Protein backbone atom coordinates (compact mmCIF):
# COMPACT_ATOMS: atom_id res chain seq x y z
CA MET A 1 49.21 20.79 -16.78
CA GLU A 2 48.03 23.98 -15.09
CA ARG A 3 45.81 24.81 -18.08
CA LEU A 4 44.20 21.35 -17.88
CA SER A 5 43.61 21.75 -14.14
CA THR A 6 42.05 25.17 -14.66
CA PHE A 7 39.84 23.87 -17.46
CA LEU A 8 38.62 20.91 -15.40
CA GLY A 9 38.04 23.20 -12.43
CA ARG A 10 35.74 25.41 -14.48
CA HIS A 11 33.85 22.70 -16.38
CA LEU A 12 32.18 19.98 -14.34
CA TRP A 13 30.94 18.22 -17.49
CA ALA A 14 34.54 17.74 -18.60
CA GLN A 15 35.41 16.07 -15.29
CA VAL A 16 32.44 13.70 -15.62
CA LEU A 17 33.29 12.91 -19.24
CA LEU A 18 36.94 12.25 -18.38
CA VAL A 19 36.02 9.91 -15.51
CA VAL A 20 33.51 8.02 -17.66
CA LEU A 21 36.02 7.59 -20.51
CA LEU A 22 38.78 6.47 -18.15
CA GLY A 23 36.42 4.04 -16.44
CA TRP A 24 35.33 2.67 -19.80
CA ALA A 25 38.98 2.17 -20.82
CA VAL A 26 39.78 0.34 -17.57
CA ILE A 27 36.75 -1.93 -17.97
CA ILE A 28 37.65 -2.73 -21.59
CA LEU A 29 41.25 -3.52 -20.64
CA GLY A 30 40.06 -5.73 -17.78
CA SER A 31 37.71 -7.75 -20.01
CA PRO A 32 39.60 -8.80 -23.12
CA GLY A 33 37.60 -10.63 -25.76
CA GLU A 34 34.29 -8.96 -24.92
CA PRO A 35 32.73 -6.49 -27.39
CA ALA A 36 33.60 -2.87 -26.65
CA ILE A 37 29.95 -1.89 -26.15
CA VAL A 38 28.74 -4.86 -24.10
CA VAL A 39 31.11 -4.47 -21.15
CA PRO A 40 30.38 -0.78 -20.40
CA ALA A 41 26.64 -1.37 -20.97
CA ARG A 42 26.68 -4.21 -18.45
CA SER A 43 28.61 -2.01 -16.03
CA ALA A 44 26.13 0.84 -16.48
CA VAL A 45 23.16 -1.42 -15.75
CA THR A 46 24.91 -2.86 -12.70
CA SER A 47 25.78 0.64 -11.46
CA ALA A 48 22.19 1.83 -11.92
CA GLY A 49 20.99 -1.17 -9.93
CA ALA A 50 23.49 -0.43 -7.18
CA VAL A 51 22.33 3.18 -6.98
CA ALA A 52 18.70 2.02 -6.76
CA VAL A 53 19.54 -0.36 -3.91
CA LEU A 54 21.46 2.38 -2.11
CA LEU A 55 18.51 4.78 -2.43
CA VAL A 56 16.07 2.18 -1.09
CA LEU A 57 18.33 1.36 1.85
CA THR A 58 18.81 5.04 2.62
CA TRP A 59 15.05 5.62 2.50
CA GLN A 60 14.38 2.67 4.80
CA GLY A 61 17.16 3.77 7.13
CA GLY A 62 15.53 7.19 7.38
CA ARG A 63 12.22 5.57 8.31
CA GLN A 64 13.94 3.52 11.00
CA VAL A 65 15.65 6.59 12.43
CA ARG A 66 12.32 8.43 12.61
CA ARG A 67 10.71 5.43 14.32
CA LEU A 68 13.56 5.22 16.85
CA ARG A 69 13.13 8.93 17.63
CA GLU A 70 9.41 8.40 18.21
CA VAL A 71 10.09 5.48 20.56
CA ARG A 72 12.75 7.47 22.41
CA GLU A 73 10.34 10.39 22.91
CA THR A 74 7.67 7.99 24.14
CA LEU A 75 10.05 6.35 26.60
CA ARG A 76 11.30 9.71 27.91
CA GLY A 77 7.84 10.61 29.24
CA SER A 78 7.87 11.89 32.81
CA PRO A 79 7.17 9.29 35.56
CA GLY A 80 3.43 9.03 36.05
CA GLY A 81 2.83 11.18 32.99
CA PRO A 82 1.28 10.19 29.68
CA GLY A 83 3.17 7.42 27.95
CA ALA A 84 5.07 6.31 31.04
CA GLY A 85 4.59 2.67 31.95
CA GLY A 86 1.61 2.27 29.65
CA GLU A 87 -0.75 3.92 32.13
CA ALA A 88 -3.63 6.07 31.00
CA PRO A 89 -3.32 9.80 31.81
CA GLU A 90 -5.38 11.08 34.73
CA GLU A 91 -8.50 13.05 33.95
CA ARG A 92 -8.86 16.35 35.76
């Protein structure tokens, strides 16, 4: 068991392969009667779609955070200064 742990600790590809094979086995056992290739292929496509949605939501969330920071900086303007109350800055 220690040799296996050491091997998996040194080789990331082996960890990924082991997880993929175990996941494939669980999916096959959970879907009896389906062809052995169709179920994992469907799962792979669904997973890729989920990752795409997550990336889009993360990207949009980042845009919203930046916008909120801009609004906060605008609202924190000093009283009577530029950006406070929508008044134009005084010319000197």
